[in-house]
């Protein structure tokens, strides 16, 4: 059974930082790209960042570029999202995702940025 568990969310002041983690279990994830998405209240889920299986290729949404950094540790089956210079508009539930032919999502972790 594939399982993704996010952690690291919380309440932070604007300008602050958080590091989200997504721990994967059930299969070896080292051969798959992984991604972070987010969903704010009343809005559709949107792409934030993606990392290739090797970690050598990364892509970001325009809103994340320059402020967020995605990384992974294949030995730990974990992907991270380092978020800096947070803004109130970054407030959302953050989800990690892996596409293994079937798409798996975690349960999400809440990030709230206070102004």
Protein backbone atom coordinates (compact mmCIF):
# COMPACT_ATOMS: atom_id res chain seq x y z
CA UNK A 1 0.00 0.00 0.00
CA UNK A 2 1.52 3.31 -1.11
CA UNK A 3 1.34 6.00 1.52
CA UNK A 4 2.48 9.61 1.54
CA UNK A 5 2.53 11.50 4.82
CA UNK A 6 3.17 15.24 4.89
CA UNK A 7 4.37 17.14 7.94
CA UNK A 8 5.91 20.46 8.87
CA UNK A 9 2.99 22.79 8.31
CA UNK A 10 1.89 25.36 10.82
CA UNK A 11 1.27 29.01 11.52
CA UNK A 12 4.00 31.46 10.58
CA UNK A 13 4.27 35.22 10.25
CA UNK A 14 4.67 36.79 6.83
CA UNK A 15 8.32 36.73 5.85
CA UNK A 16 8.95 33.57 7.81
CA UNK A 17 10.00 30.12 6.70
CA UNK A 18 8.79 26.55 6.94
CA UNK A 19 10.10 23.23 5.74
CA UNK A 20 7.57 20.64 4.70
CA UNK A 21 8.38 16.95 4.51
CA UNK A 22 6.65 14.14 2.68
CA UNK A 23 7.58 10.64 3.79
CA UNK A 24 6.73 7.89 1.36
CA UNK A 25 6.22 4.24 2.19
CA UNK A 26 4.98 1.08 0.57
CA UNK A 27 7.28 1.19 -2.42
CA UNK A 28 10.65 2.50 -3.48
CA UNK A 29 10.16 6.00 -4.78
CA UNK A 30 13.62 6.65 -6.03
CA UNK A 31 12.61 6.00 -9.63
CA UNK A 32 9.79 8.50 -9.71
CA UNK A 33 9.40 12.23 -9.87
CA UNK A 34 7.54 13.78 -7.00
CA UNK A 35 5.69 17.03 -6.66
CA UNK A 36 4.10 19.46 -4.25
CA UNK A 37 0.70 21.00 -4.84
CA UNK A 38 -1.42 23.30 -2.71
CA UNK A 39 -5.06 24.19 -2.33
CA UNK A 40 -6.30 27.38 -0.77
CA UNK A 41 -9.88 27.70 0.50
CA UNK A 42 -12.31 28.10 -2.38
CA UNK A 43 -9.63 27.55 -4.99
CA UNK A 44 -8.51 24.66 -7.15
CA UNK A 45 -5.47 22.62 -6.27
CA UNK A 46 -2.42 24.09 -7.99
CA UNK A 47 1.09 22.96 -8.81
CA UNK A 48 3.91 24.30 -6.65
CA UNK A 49 7.09 22.37 -7.45
CA UNK A 50 8.34 19.15 -8.96
CA UNK A 51 11.57 17.17 -8.68
CA UNK A 52 12.84 14.39 -10.91
CA UNK A 53 13.73 10.97 -9.56
CA UNK A 54 17.42 11.86 -9.35
CA UNK A 55 16.85 15.34 -7.99
CA UNK A 56 18.67 16.77 -10.96
CA UNK A 57 15.67 18.47 -12.53
CA UNK A 58 13.38 20.80 -10.66
CA UNK A 59 10.55 23.01 -11.74
CA UNK A 60 8.48 25.61 -9.91
CA UNK A 61 5.35 27.62 -10.32
CA UNK A 62 5.86 31.31 -10.88
CA UNK A 63 4.66 32.03 -7.34
CA UNK A 64 7.16 29.59 -5.83
CA UNK A 65 10.16 30.46 -7.96
CA UNK A 66 12.92 32.14 -5.99
CA UNK A 67 11.28 31.50 -2.61
CA UNK A 68 10.69 27.74 -2.42
CA UNK A 69 13.16 24.92 -2.88
CA UNK A 70 12.22 21.31 -3.50
CA UNK A 71 14.63 18.53 -2.63
CA UNK A 72 14.59 14.83 -1.92
CA UNK A 73 16.47 12.17 -0.02
CA UNK A 74 15.94 8.86 -1.77
CA UNK A 75 17.60 6.93 1.03
CA UNK A 76 14.85 8.20 3.33
CA UNK A 77 12.06 8.07 0.73
CA UNK A 78 11.35 11.70 1.61
CA UNK A 79 10.78 14.85 -0.39
CA UNK A 80 11.03 18.32 1.11
CA UNK A 81 9.75 21.78 0.36
CA UNK A 82 11.72 24.61 1.93
CA UNK A 83 9.59 27.73 1.89
CA UNK A 84 11.02 31.16 2.64
CA UNK A 85 9.70 34.73 2.47
CA UNK A 86 6.23 33.38 3.05
CA UNK A 87 3.24 35.54 2.15
CA UNK A 88 -0.37 35.41 3.32
CA UNK A 89 -1.32 34.21 -0.16
CA UNK A 90 0.77 31.09 0.45
CA UNK A 91 -1.84 29.99 2.99
CA UNK A 92 -3.14 26.62 1.82
CA UNK A 93 -3.12 22.91 2.43
CA UNK A 94 0.04 21.52 0.87
CA UNK A 95 0.01 18.06 -0.68
CA UNK A 96 2.72 15.86 -2.07
CA UNK A 97 2.06 13.67 -5.06
CA UNK A 98 3.75 10.83 -6.88
CA UNK A 99 2.76 9.52 -10.28
CA UNK A 100 3.61 5.85 -10.58
CA UNK A 101 1.17 5.17 -13.39
CA UNK A 102 -1.37 5.60 -10.65
CA UNK A 103 -1.30 8.93 -8.91
CA UNK A 104 -0.99 8.98 -5.13
CA UNK A 105 -1.60 11.94 -2.85
CA UNK A 106 -0.85 12.56 0.78
CA UNK A 107 -3.44 13.83 3.22
CA UNK A 108 -1.98 17.34 3.22
CA UNK A 109 -0.50 19.68 5.79
CA UNK A 110 -1.92 23.10 6.60
CA UNK A 111 0.25 26.17 6.12
CA UNK A 112 -1.12 29.44 7.45
CA UNK A 113 0.77 32.67 6.92
CA UNK A 114 -0.36 35.57 9.10
CA UNK A 115 0.04 39.12 7.90
